[in-house]
Amino acid sequence: MSVIGVFALQGNVREHLEMLTSVGVEARPVRRPAELEQVDAMVLPGGESTTMYKLARTFDLFEPLQKRIADGMPAFGTCAGMIMLANEITGGIAGQETLGGLDVTVRRNAFGRQVDSFEADLEFAALDTPYHAVFIRAPWVERVGQDVEVLSTVRSGPAAGRIVAVRHDRLLATSFHPEMTGDARLHGYFAELVRGL
C-alpha cells in the first residue's frame, strides 16, 4: 500500500491527512528527513510559501525533499504548495526559494489578498462533474512548459481563463485548497497516480 506524506511544518496538514485516508491510502505527517524516507509521495499543503521554505530549511527538510522530487517522487502541491513546486515564481519575496520540478511560472497572491478570496466551480478534464474550488490568497500559473498539462482554468469573472490546476508527469498542483471542500476526488486522482507507478 502506498504511503503518502504531508509536509507538516505549516499549512492545512490535518485536513489533507483526513482526505488522503478517505481515499484509501496511508497518510503520515512529515517534519523531518527520516520521516520523508518512509513515504512514497508527498502533499505540499496550502499555507504561506515563504514560511514553508524557511521552516523546511530550519528542519533540514528542504534539500532532501528537493532531491526526492528531482528523482521522481510524486508530489501534489495546493495553493502555497503549488508555489513550492514551481520552477519559477513572480511576486515572491527577495531570495524566496522553491523546491522546483514543475515547469511553470506561478504568480504569488495573483488573485489578491485575503479579502479577495472566492469560490468557483471548475471543469476538470479528469473529473466527470465540476469541482467546487476554494481560493484563498491564491496563486495562478502564468506560463506552462511544453510537457505540462493544463487540468483546469477559471471559467468566468475577472480571472477568466487563468490556469489554476496543472500536471507534469508525477507532479500535480492546484491554486486552490481541495482539502477544504469535502470533495476528495483530487486526492483520489493523486492517489491513483501514485498507485500506478
N, C-alpha and C. Protein backbone atom coordinates (compact mmCIF):
# COMPACT_ATOMS: atom_id res chain seq x y z
N MET A 1 0.84 -1.20 0.00
CA MET A 1 0.00 0.00 0.00
C MET A 1 0.88 1.25 0.00
N SER A 2 0.50 2.21 -0.84
CA SER A 2 1.27 3.45 -0.93
C SER A 2 1.15 4.26 0.35
N VAL A 3 2.26 4.89 0.73
CA VAL A 3 2.25 5.79 1.88
C VAL A 3 2.49 7.20 1.34
N ILE A 4 1.55 8.10 1.60
CA ILE A 4 1.69 9.48 1.14
C ILE A 4 1.91 10.38 2.35
N GLY A 5 2.97 11.15 2.29
CA GLY A 5 3.29 12.07 3.37
C GLY A 5 2.67 13.44 3.12
N VAL A 6 2.45 14.17 4.19
CA VAL A 6 2.00 15.57 4.10
C VAL A 6 3.03 16.44 4.81
N PHE A 7 3.57 17.42 4.09
CA PHE A 7 4.51 18.38 4.66
C PHE A 7 3.82 19.03 5.86
N ALA A 8 4.36 18.79 7.05
CA ALA A 8 3.60 19.11 8.26
C ALA A 8 4.22 20.22 9.11
N LEU A 9 5.05 21.06 8.50
CA LEU A 9 5.65 22.16 9.26
C LEU A 9 4.76 23.40 9.27
N GLN A 10 3.82 23.46 8.30
CA GLN A 10 2.92 24.61 8.23
C GLN A 10 1.80 24.29 7.26
N GLY A 11 0.64 24.89 7.45
CA GLY A 11 -0.45 24.71 6.49
C GLY A 11 -1.54 23.76 6.98
N ASN A 12 -2.45 23.41 6.07
CA ASN A 12 -3.63 22.61 6.41
C ASN A 12 -3.29 21.12 6.43
N VAL A 13 -2.52 20.72 7.39
CA VAL A 13 -1.98 19.36 7.44
C VAL A 13 -3.07 18.34 7.77
N ARG A 14 -3.80 18.56 8.83
CA ARG A 14 -4.81 17.60 9.30
C ARG A 14 -5.86 17.33 8.22
N GLU A 15 -6.30 18.39 7.53
CA GLU A 15 -7.32 18.24 6.50
C GLU A 15 -6.83 17.35 5.36
N HIS A 16 -5.58 17.54 4.96
CA HIS A 16 -5.02 16.70 3.89
C HIS A 16 -4.88 15.24 4.35
N LEU A 17 -4.43 15.04 5.57
CA LEU A 17 -4.31 13.68 6.10
C LEU A 17 -5.66 12.97 6.09
N GLU A 18 -6.71 13.69 6.48
CA GLU A 18 -8.06 13.12 6.50
C GLU A 18 -8.54 12.78 5.09
N MET A 19 -8.30 13.68 4.14
CA MET A 19 -8.72 13.45 2.75
C MET A 19 -8.01 12.23 2.17
N LEU A 20 -6.71 12.13 2.40
CA LEU A 20 -5.94 11.00 1.87
C LEU A 20 -6.41 9.68 2.46
N THR A 21 -6.66 9.69 3.76
CA THR A 21 -7.17 8.48 4.43
C THR A 21 -8.51 8.08 3.84
N SER A 22 -9.35 9.07 3.51
CA SER A 22 -10.69 8.78 2.98
C SER A 22 -10.65 8.13 1.60
N VAL A 23 -9.53 8.29 0.86
CA VAL A 23 -9.42 7.65 -0.46
C VAL A 23 -8.58 6.37 -0.40
N GLY A 24 -8.32 5.90 0.83
CA GLY A 24 -7.75 4.58 0.99
C GLY A 24 -6.24 4.47 0.95
N VAL A 25 -5.54 5.56 1.25
CA VAL A 25 -4.08 5.47 1.34
C VAL A 25 -3.64 5.71 2.78
N GLU A 26 -2.47 5.21 3.10
CA GLU A 26 -1.88 5.52 4.40
C GLU A 26 -1.24 6.89 4.30
N ALA A 27 -1.61 7.78 5.21
CA ALA A 27 -1.10 9.15 5.17
C ALA A 27 -0.37 9.46 6.47
N ARG A 28 0.78 10.11 6.34
CA ARG A 28 1.60 10.44 7.52
C ARG A 28 2.11 11.87 7.44
N PRO A 29 2.16 12.56 8.58
CA PRO A 29 2.80 13.88 8.59
C PRO A 29 4.32 13.73 8.46
N VAL A 30 4.94 14.65 7.74
CA VAL A 30 6.39 14.62 7.54
C VAL A 30 6.97 15.95 8.00
N ARG A 31 7.85 15.86 9.00
CA ARG A 31 8.54 17.06 9.52
C ARG A 31 10.05 16.95 9.43
N ARG A 32 10.55 15.72 9.29
CA ARG A 32 12.00 15.51 9.33
C ARG A 32 12.44 14.59 8.20
N PRO A 33 13.72 14.66 7.82
CA PRO A 33 14.22 13.81 6.74
C PRO A 33 13.95 12.32 6.95
N ALA A 34 14.05 11.83 8.19
CA ALA A 34 13.81 10.40 8.45
C ALA A 34 12.37 10.02 8.12
N GLU A 35 11.43 10.92 8.36
CA GLU A 35 10.02 10.65 8.03
C GLU A 35 9.80 10.71 6.52
N LEU A 36 10.53 11.59 5.85
CA LEU A 36 10.43 11.68 4.39
C LEU A 36 10.86 10.37 3.73
N GLU A 37 11.87 9.73 4.29
CA GLU A 37 12.38 8.48 3.72
C GLU A 37 11.35 7.36 3.76
N GLN A 38 10.33 7.49 4.60
CA GLN A 38 9.34 6.41 4.78
C GLN A 38 8.10 6.57 3.92
N VAL A 39 8.06 7.61 3.05
CA VAL A 39 6.86 7.83 2.23
C VAL A 39 7.19 7.66 0.75
N ASP A 40 6.13 7.34 -0.02
CA ASP A 40 6.27 7.13 -1.47
C ASP A 40 5.97 8.39 -2.27
N ALA A 41 5.26 9.34 -1.66
CA ALA A 41 4.84 10.56 -2.33
C ALA A 41 4.58 11.62 -1.27
N MET A 42 4.43 12.88 -1.72
CA MET A 42 4.21 13.98 -0.77
C MET A 42 3.12 14.92 -1.23
N VAL A 43 2.38 15.43 -0.25
CA VAL A 43 1.46 16.54 -0.47
C VAL A 43 2.07 17.77 0.20
N LEU A 44 2.13 18.87 -0.55
CA LEU A 44 2.60 20.15 -0.03
C LEU A 44 1.36 21.04 0.12
N PRO A 45 0.92 21.31 1.35
CA PRO A 45 -0.38 21.95 1.55
C PRO A 45 -0.36 23.45 1.33
N GLY A 46 -1.56 24.02 1.37
CA GLY A 46 -1.67 25.47 1.39
C GLY A 46 -1.14 25.99 2.72
N GLY A 47 -0.73 27.22 2.73
CA GLY A 47 -0.16 27.85 3.92
C GLY A 47 0.47 29.15 3.47
N GLU A 48 1.67 29.39 3.89
CA GLU A 48 2.39 30.60 3.48
C GLU A 48 3.72 30.14 2.89
N SER A 49 3.90 30.34 1.59
CA SER A 49 5.03 29.73 0.88
C SER A 49 6.39 30.19 1.41
N THR A 50 6.51 31.46 1.82
CA THR A 50 7.81 31.92 2.33
C THR A 50 8.11 31.27 3.67
N THR A 51 7.09 31.14 4.52
CA THR A 51 7.28 30.46 5.81
C THR A 51 7.61 28.99 5.60
N MET A 52 6.95 28.36 4.62
CA MET A 52 7.18 26.94 4.37
C MET A 52 8.62 26.66 3.98
N TYR A 53 9.17 27.46 3.07
CA TYR A 53 10.54 27.16 2.65
C TYR A 53 11.53 27.46 3.76
N LYS A 54 11.26 28.50 4.57
CA LYS A 54 12.16 28.81 5.70
C LYS A 54 12.13 27.69 6.74
N LEU A 55 10.93 27.18 7.04
CA LEU A 55 10.82 26.08 8.01
C LEU A 55 11.47 24.80 7.46
N ALA A 56 11.28 24.55 6.16
CA ALA A 56 11.91 23.38 5.55
C ALA A 56 13.44 23.46 5.69
N ARG A 57 13.98 24.65 5.54
CA ARG A 57 15.42 24.86 5.74
C ARG A 57 15.79 24.61 7.21
N THR A 58 15.02 25.18 8.11
CA THR A 58 15.30 25.06 9.55
C THR A 58 15.32 23.60 10.00
N PHE A 59 14.38 22.81 9.47
CA PHE A 59 14.25 21.40 9.87
C PHE A 59 15.04 20.45 8.97
N ASP A 60 15.95 21.02 8.15
CA ASP A 60 16.80 20.23 7.25
C ASP A 60 16.00 19.33 6.31
N LEU A 61 14.83 19.82 5.91
CA LEU A 61 13.96 19.05 5.03
C LEU A 61 14.01 19.54 3.59
N PHE A 62 14.53 20.74 3.38
CA PHE A 62 14.46 21.36 2.06
C PHE A 62 15.24 20.54 1.01
N GLU A 63 16.53 20.34 1.25
CA GLU A 63 17.34 19.61 0.25
C GLU A 63 16.88 18.17 0.04
N PRO A 64 16.60 17.40 1.11
CA PRO A 64 16.13 16.03 0.89
C PRO A 64 14.82 15.98 0.08
N LEU A 65 13.93 16.93 0.35
CA LEU A 65 12.66 16.98 -0.38
C LEU A 65 12.90 17.36 -1.85
N GLN A 66 13.75 18.35 -2.05
CA GLN A 66 14.10 18.77 -3.40
C GLN A 66 14.70 17.62 -4.20
N LYS A 67 15.57 16.85 -3.55
CA LYS A 67 16.22 15.72 -4.23
C LYS A 67 15.22 14.62 -4.56
N ARG A 68 14.33 14.29 -3.60
CA ARG A 68 13.33 13.25 -3.86
C ARG A 68 12.44 13.63 -5.04
N ILE A 69 12.03 14.89 -5.11
CA ILE A 69 11.19 15.35 -6.22
C ILE A 69 11.97 15.28 -7.53
N ALA A 70 13.22 15.73 -7.51
CA ALA A 70 14.06 15.67 -8.72
C ALA A 70 14.27 14.23 -9.17
N ASP A 71 14.30 13.30 -8.22
CA ASP A 71 14.50 11.87 -8.53
C ASP A 71 13.21 11.16 -8.93
N GLY A 72 12.08 11.91 -8.97
CA GLY A 72 10.85 11.33 -9.49
C GLY A 72 9.76 11.00 -8.49
N MET A 73 9.93 11.42 -7.22
CA MET A 73 8.86 11.18 -6.26
C MET A 73 7.62 12.00 -6.63
N PRO A 74 6.43 11.39 -6.66
CA PRO A 74 5.21 12.15 -6.94
C PRO A 74 4.95 13.18 -5.84
N ALA A 75 4.43 14.34 -6.24
CA ALA A 75 4.08 15.37 -5.27
C ALA A 75 2.84 16.12 -5.75
N PHE A 76 2.03 16.54 -4.80
CA PHE A 76 0.79 17.27 -5.05
C PHE A 76 0.87 18.55 -4.24
N GLY A 77 0.96 19.69 -4.92
CA GLY A 77 1.04 20.97 -4.24
C GLY A 77 -0.27 21.74 -4.36
N THR A 78 -0.79 22.24 -3.23
CA THR A 78 -2.03 23.01 -3.24
C THR A 78 -1.76 24.42 -2.73
N CYS A 79 -2.17 25.41 -3.49
CA CYS A 79 -2.00 26.83 -3.16
C CYS A 79 -0.52 27.15 -2.91
N ALA A 80 -0.10 27.35 -1.68
CA ALA A 80 1.32 27.60 -1.41
C ALA A 80 2.18 26.43 -1.88
N GLY A 81 1.62 25.22 -1.83
CA GLY A 81 2.35 24.05 -2.31
C GLY A 81 2.62 24.11 -3.80
N MET A 82 1.70 24.73 -4.56
CA MET A 82 1.93 24.94 -5.99
C MET A 82 3.15 25.85 -6.19
N ILE A 83 3.23 26.90 -5.37
CA ILE A 83 4.37 27.82 -5.45
C ILE A 83 5.66 27.07 -5.13
N MET A 84 5.61 26.21 -4.12
CA MET A 84 6.79 25.44 -3.71
C MET A 84 7.31 24.52 -4.82
N LEU A 85 6.40 24.00 -5.65
CA LEU A 85 6.80 23.08 -6.72
C LEU A 85 7.25 23.79 -8.00
N ALA A 86 6.89 25.06 -8.15
CA ALA A 86 7.17 25.78 -9.39
C ALA A 86 8.67 26.01 -9.60
N ASN A 87 9.09 25.90 -10.85
CA ASN A 87 10.47 26.23 -11.18
C ASN A 87 10.73 27.72 -11.08
N GLU A 88 9.67 28.52 -11.29
CA GLU A 88 9.83 29.97 -11.31
C GLU A 88 8.61 30.63 -10.68
N ILE A 89 8.83 31.68 -9.87
CA ILE A 89 7.72 32.42 -9.29
C ILE A 89 7.88 33.91 -9.56
N THR A 90 6.76 34.60 -9.65
CA THR A 90 6.77 36.06 -9.71
C THR A 90 5.95 36.55 -8.52
N GLY A 91 6.30 37.73 -8.04
CA GLY A 91 5.58 38.28 -6.88
C GLY A 91 6.05 37.70 -5.56
N GLY A 92 7.15 36.96 -5.57
CA GLY A 92 7.70 36.41 -4.33
C GLY A 92 8.55 37.44 -3.61
N ILE A 93 9.04 37.08 -2.43
CA ILE A 93 9.94 37.98 -1.71
C ILE A 93 11.36 37.75 -2.22
N ALA A 94 12.24 38.71 -1.99
CA ALA A 94 13.63 38.59 -2.43
C ALA A 94 14.25 37.32 -1.84
N GLY A 95 14.87 36.53 -2.68
CA GLY A 95 15.56 35.33 -2.22
C GLY A 95 14.66 34.14 -1.95
N GLN A 96 13.37 34.24 -2.25
CA GLN A 96 12.46 33.12 -1.99
C GLN A 96 12.85 31.91 -2.84
N GLU A 97 12.95 30.77 -2.19
CA GLU A 97 13.35 29.55 -2.87
C GLU A 97 12.16 28.62 -3.06
N THR A 98 12.24 27.81 -4.12
CA THR A 98 11.23 26.78 -4.34
C THR A 98 11.91 25.43 -4.46
N LEU A 99 11.13 24.38 -4.28
CA LEU A 99 11.66 23.03 -4.45
C LEU A 99 11.86 22.72 -5.93
N GLY A 100 11.01 23.30 -6.77
CA GLY A 100 11.13 23.11 -8.21
C GLY A 100 10.65 21.75 -8.67
N GLY A 101 10.79 21.52 -9.97
CA GLY A 101 10.37 20.28 -10.58
C GLY A 101 9.23 20.47 -11.55
N LEU A 102 8.38 21.46 -11.27
CA LEU A 102 7.21 21.73 -12.11
C LEU A 102 7.56 22.87 -13.05
N ASP A 103 7.55 22.60 -14.36
CA ASP A 103 8.00 23.57 -15.36
C ASP A 103 6.91 24.60 -15.63
N VAL A 104 6.70 25.47 -14.65
CA VAL A 104 5.70 26.53 -14.75
C VAL A 104 6.24 27.80 -14.08
N THR A 105 5.62 28.92 -14.44
CA THR A 105 5.83 30.17 -13.71
C THR A 105 4.53 30.47 -12.97
N VAL A 106 4.63 30.65 -11.66
CA VAL A 106 3.45 30.88 -10.82
C VAL A 106 3.54 32.29 -10.23
N ARG A 107 2.42 33.02 -10.30
CA ARG A 107 2.36 34.34 -9.67
C ARG A 107 1.77 34.20 -8.28
N ARG A 108 2.56 34.59 -7.28
CA ARG A 108 2.14 34.52 -5.88
C ARG A 108 1.05 35.56 -5.61
N ASN A 109 0.05 35.18 -4.79
CA ASN A 109 -1.07 36.08 -4.42
C ASN A 109 -1.71 36.74 -5.65
N ALA A 110 -1.81 35.98 -6.74
CA ALA A 110 -2.28 36.56 -8.01
C ALA A 110 -3.70 37.09 -7.93
N PHE A 111 -4.56 36.41 -7.15
CA PHE A 111 -5.96 36.81 -7.08
C PHE A 111 -6.19 37.93 -6.07
N GLY A 112 -5.13 38.35 -5.37
CA GLY A 112 -5.28 39.42 -4.40
C GLY A 112 -5.11 38.94 -2.98
N ARG A 113 -5.50 39.79 -2.04
CA ARG A 113 -5.31 39.50 -0.62
C ARG A 113 -6.42 38.60 -0.08
N GLN A 114 -6.38 38.38 1.22
CA GLN A 114 -7.36 37.51 1.89
C GLN A 114 -8.80 37.92 1.57
N VAL A 115 -9.04 39.23 1.50
CA VAL A 115 -10.40 39.71 1.24
C VAL A 115 -10.88 39.36 -0.16
N ASP A 116 -9.96 39.03 -1.05
CA ASP A 116 -10.31 38.68 -2.42
C ASP A 116 -10.50 37.18 -2.61
N SER A 117 -10.54 36.45 -1.51
CA SER A 117 -10.77 35.01 -1.59
C SER A 117 -12.15 34.74 -2.18
N PHE A 118 -12.29 33.63 -2.89
CA PHE A 118 -13.56 33.33 -3.53
C PHE A 118 -13.69 31.82 -3.78
N GLU A 119 -14.89 31.42 -4.22
CA GLU A 119 -15.13 30.03 -4.58
C GLU A 119 -15.65 29.98 -6.00
N ALA A 120 -15.36 28.87 -6.70
CA ALA A 120 -15.81 28.74 -8.09
C ALA A 120 -15.94 27.28 -8.45
N ASP A 121 -16.86 26.98 -9.36
CA ASP A 121 -16.98 25.63 -9.91
C ASP A 121 -16.08 25.53 -11.13
N LEU A 122 -15.21 24.52 -11.13
CA LEU A 122 -14.24 24.35 -12.21
C LEU A 122 -14.50 23.07 -12.99
N GLU A 123 -14.31 23.14 -14.28
CA GLU A 123 -14.33 21.94 -15.12
C GLU A 123 -12.95 21.30 -15.06
N PHE A 124 -12.91 19.99 -14.90
CA PHE A 124 -11.65 19.25 -14.87
C PHE A 124 -11.68 18.15 -15.92
N ALA A 125 -10.63 18.07 -16.71
CA ALA A 125 -10.55 17.01 -17.73
C ALA A 125 -10.66 15.63 -17.08
N ALA A 126 -10.11 15.48 -15.89
CA ALA A 126 -10.04 14.16 -15.24
C ALA A 126 -11.30 13.81 -14.44
N LEU A 127 -12.24 14.75 -14.31
CA LEU A 127 -13.43 14.52 -13.48
C LEU A 127 -14.70 14.65 -14.31
N ASP A 128 -15.71 13.88 -13.94
CA ASP A 128 -16.97 13.85 -14.71
C ASP A 128 -17.84 15.08 -14.48
N THR A 129 -17.80 15.63 -13.29
CA THR A 129 -18.64 16.79 -12.96
C THR A 129 -17.76 17.90 -12.39
N PRO A 130 -18.26 19.15 -12.40
CA PRO A 130 -17.44 20.28 -11.92
C PRO A 130 -16.95 20.08 -10.47
N TYR A 131 -15.83 20.72 -10.18
CA TYR A 131 -15.21 20.66 -8.85
C TYR A 131 -15.38 22.03 -8.21
N HIS A 132 -15.95 22.07 -7.01
CA HIS A 132 -16.14 23.34 -6.30
C HIS A 132 -14.84 23.69 -5.57
N ALA A 133 -14.19 24.75 -6.03
CA ALA A 133 -12.87 25.10 -5.52
C ALA A 133 -12.91 26.32 -4.61
N VAL A 134 -12.06 26.30 -3.58
CA VAL A 134 -11.93 27.40 -2.63
C VAL A 134 -10.56 28.06 -2.83
N PHE A 135 -10.58 29.33 -3.19
CA PHE A 135 -9.35 30.10 -3.45
C PHE A 135 -9.12 31.07 -2.30
N ILE A 136 -7.94 31.00 -1.66
CA ILE A 136 -7.60 31.90 -0.56
C ILE A 136 -6.20 32.46 -0.82
N ARG A 137 -6.12 33.76 -1.09
CA ARG A 137 -4.83 34.39 -1.44
C ARG A 137 -4.07 33.52 -2.44
N ALA A 138 -4.78 33.10 -3.45
CA ALA A 138 -4.28 32.04 -4.33
C ALA A 138 -3.33 32.55 -5.41
N PRO A 139 -2.41 31.66 -5.82
CA PRO A 139 -1.58 31.96 -6.99
C PRO A 139 -2.31 31.54 -8.27
N TRP A 140 -1.76 31.88 -9.41
CA TRP A 140 -2.19 31.25 -10.67
C TRP A 140 -0.95 30.98 -11.50
N VAL A 141 -1.11 30.18 -12.54
CA VAL A 141 0.01 29.81 -13.41
C VAL A 141 0.03 30.76 -14.60
N GLU A 142 1.16 31.43 -14.80
CA GLU A 142 1.28 32.39 -15.90
C GLU A 142 1.94 31.77 -17.12
N ARG A 143 2.75 30.74 -16.93
CA ARG A 143 3.43 30.08 -18.05
C ARG A 143 3.50 28.60 -17.77
N VAL A 144 3.23 27.79 -18.78
CA VAL A 144 3.41 26.34 -18.63
C VAL A 144 4.46 25.87 -19.64
N GLY A 145 5.28 24.92 -19.19
CA GLY A 145 6.27 24.33 -20.07
C GLY A 145 5.62 23.40 -21.08
N GLN A 146 6.40 22.97 -22.04
CA GLN A 146 5.90 22.18 -23.16
C GLN A 146 5.22 20.89 -22.72
N ASP A 147 5.72 20.25 -21.67
CA ASP A 147 5.18 18.95 -21.25
C ASP A 147 4.17 19.05 -20.11
N VAL A 148 3.76 20.26 -19.77
CA VAL A 148 2.82 20.46 -18.67
C VAL A 148 1.39 20.44 -19.20
N GLU A 149 0.55 19.62 -18.58
CA GLU A 149 -0.86 19.51 -18.96
C GLU A 149 -1.69 20.46 -18.11
N VAL A 150 -2.48 21.32 -18.75
CA VAL A 150 -3.40 22.20 -18.03
C VAL A 150 -4.67 21.41 -17.71
N LEU A 151 -4.98 21.25 -16.42
CA LEU A 151 -6.13 20.47 -15.99
C LEU A 151 -7.38 21.31 -15.80
N SER A 152 -7.20 22.60 -15.46
CA SER A 152 -8.37 23.43 -15.22
C SER A 152 -8.03 24.92 -15.29
N THR A 153 -9.01 25.71 -15.74
CA THR A 153 -8.89 27.17 -15.75
C THR A 153 -10.16 27.77 -15.14
N VAL A 154 -10.06 29.02 -14.71
CA VAL A 154 -11.22 29.73 -14.19
C VAL A 154 -12.15 30.04 -15.36
N ARG A 155 -13.44 29.80 -15.19
CA ARG A 155 -14.39 29.92 -16.32
C ARG A 155 -14.96 31.32 -16.51
N SER A 156 -15.10 32.09 -15.41
CA SER A 156 -15.77 33.39 -15.55
C SER A 156 -15.20 34.39 -14.56
N GLY A 157 -15.68 35.63 -14.67
CA GLY A 157 -15.22 36.67 -13.75
C GLY A 157 -13.93 37.31 -14.22
N PRO A 158 -13.34 38.18 -13.38
CA PRO A 158 -12.15 38.92 -13.77
C PRO A 158 -10.94 38.02 -14.05
N ALA A 159 -10.93 36.81 -13.48
CA ALA A 159 -9.79 35.90 -13.69
C ALA A 159 -10.07 34.83 -14.74
N ALA A 160 -11.11 35.02 -15.54
CA ALA A 160 -11.48 34.02 -16.55
C ALA A 160 -10.29 33.65 -17.43
N GLY A 161 -10.11 32.35 -17.62
CA GLY A 161 -9.02 31.87 -18.45
C GLY A 161 -7.72 31.60 -17.71
N ARG A 162 -7.63 32.06 -16.47
CA ARG A 162 -6.39 31.84 -15.70
C ARG A 162 -6.25 30.35 -15.36
N ILE A 163 -5.02 29.86 -15.44
CA ILE A 163 -4.73 28.44 -15.18
C ILE A 163 -4.61 28.22 -13.68
N VAL A 164 -5.39 27.24 -13.16
CA VAL A 164 -5.41 27.01 -11.72
C VAL A 164 -5.15 25.55 -11.33
N ALA A 165 -4.90 24.69 -12.31
CA ALA A 165 -4.54 23.31 -12.00
C ALA A 165 -3.71 22.75 -13.15
N VAL A 166 -2.60 22.10 -12.81
CA VAL A 166 -1.69 21.55 -13.82
C VAL A 166 -1.13 20.21 -13.36
N ARG A 167 -0.67 19.45 -14.35
CA ARG A 167 0.05 18.21 -14.05
C ARG A 167 1.24 18.10 -14.99
N HIS A 168 2.36 17.72 -14.44
CA HIS A 168 3.56 17.46 -15.22
C HIS A 168 4.13 16.13 -14.74
N ASP A 169 3.84 15.08 -15.50
CA ASP A 169 4.29 13.74 -15.16
C ASP A 169 3.78 13.37 -13.77
N ARG A 170 4.68 13.27 -12.78
CA ARG A 170 4.29 12.83 -11.44
C ARG A 170 3.97 13.99 -10.49
N LEU A 171 3.96 15.20 -11.00
CA LEU A 171 3.69 16.38 -10.18
C LEU A 171 2.34 16.97 -10.53
N LEU A 172 1.54 17.21 -9.50
CA LEU A 172 0.19 17.75 -9.63
C LEU A 172 0.12 19.01 -8.78
N ALA A 173 -0.54 20.05 -9.28
CA ALA A 173 -0.63 21.28 -8.48
C ALA A 173 -1.94 22.01 -8.77
N THR A 174 -2.51 22.58 -7.70
CA THR A 174 -3.72 23.39 -7.82
C THR A 174 -3.51 24.72 -7.09
N SER A 175 -4.14 25.78 -7.62
CA SER A 175 -4.08 27.10 -6.97
C SER A 175 -4.94 27.14 -5.72
N PHE A 176 -5.90 26.25 -5.66
CA PHE A 176 -6.93 26.30 -4.62
C PHE A 176 -6.69 25.22 -3.56
N HIS A 177 -7.63 25.12 -2.62
CA HIS A 177 -7.50 24.25 -1.45
C HIS A 177 -8.48 23.07 -1.53
N PRO A 178 -8.11 21.96 -2.17
CA PRO A 178 -9.05 20.84 -2.27
C PRO A 178 -9.34 20.18 -0.93
N GLU A 179 -8.48 20.42 0.05
CA GLU A 179 -8.69 19.81 1.37
C GLU A 179 -9.81 20.50 2.16
N MET A 180 -10.30 21.64 1.64
CA MET A 180 -11.32 22.40 2.38
C MET A 180 -12.72 22.22 1.81
N THR A 181 -12.87 21.31 0.85
CA THR A 181 -14.14 21.23 0.13
C THR A 181 -15.02 20.05 0.54
N GLY A 182 -14.43 19.04 1.15
CA GLY A 182 -15.19 17.82 1.40
C GLY A 182 -15.27 16.93 0.17
N ASP A 183 -14.68 17.37 -0.94
CA ASP A 183 -14.67 16.61 -2.20
C ASP A 183 -13.28 15.99 -2.35
N ALA A 184 -13.20 14.68 -2.18
CA ALA A 184 -11.89 14.01 -2.15
C ALA A 184 -11.42 13.54 -3.53
N ARG A 185 -12.10 13.96 -4.59
CA ARG A 185 -11.75 13.42 -5.91
C ARG A 185 -10.33 13.74 -6.37
N LEU A 186 -9.83 14.93 -6.05
CA LEU A 186 -8.46 15.25 -6.48
C LEU A 186 -7.43 14.49 -5.65
N HIS A 187 -7.72 14.26 -4.39
CA HIS A 187 -6.83 13.42 -3.59
C HIS A 187 -6.86 11.98 -4.14
N GLY A 188 -8.04 11.55 -4.56
CA GLY A 188 -8.16 10.23 -5.18
C GLY A 188 -7.40 10.14 -6.49
N TYR A 189 -7.44 11.21 -7.27
CA TYR A 189 -6.72 11.30 -8.55
C TYR A 189 -5.21 11.18 -8.29
N PHE A 190 -4.73 11.90 -7.27
CA PHE A 190 -3.31 11.82 -6.92
C PHE A 190 -2.95 10.43 -6.42
N ALA A 191 -3.80 9.84 -5.59
CA ALA A 191 -3.55 8.50 -5.06
C ALA A 191 -3.44 7.48 -6.20
N GLU A 192 -4.30 7.62 -7.21
CA GLU A 192 -4.24 6.71 -8.36
C GLU A 192 -2.94 6.91 -9.14
N LEU A 193 -2.51 8.16 -9.26
CA LEU A 193 -1.24 8.47 -9.92
C LEU A 193 -0.10 7.74 -9.19
N VAL A 194 -0.11 7.82 -7.88
CA VAL A 194 0.95 7.18 -7.06
C VAL A 194 0.87 5.66 -7.17
N ARG A 195 -0.34 5.12 -7.11
CA ARG A 195 -0.51 3.66 -7.19
C ARG A 195 -0.08 3.12 -8.55
N GLY A 196 -0.23 3.94 -9.58
CA GLY A 196 0.08 3.49 -10.93
C GLY A 196 1.55 3.40 -11.26
N LEU A 197 2.40 3.84 -10.36
CA LEU A 197 3.86 3.84 -10.63
C LEU A 197 4.48 2.47 -10.40
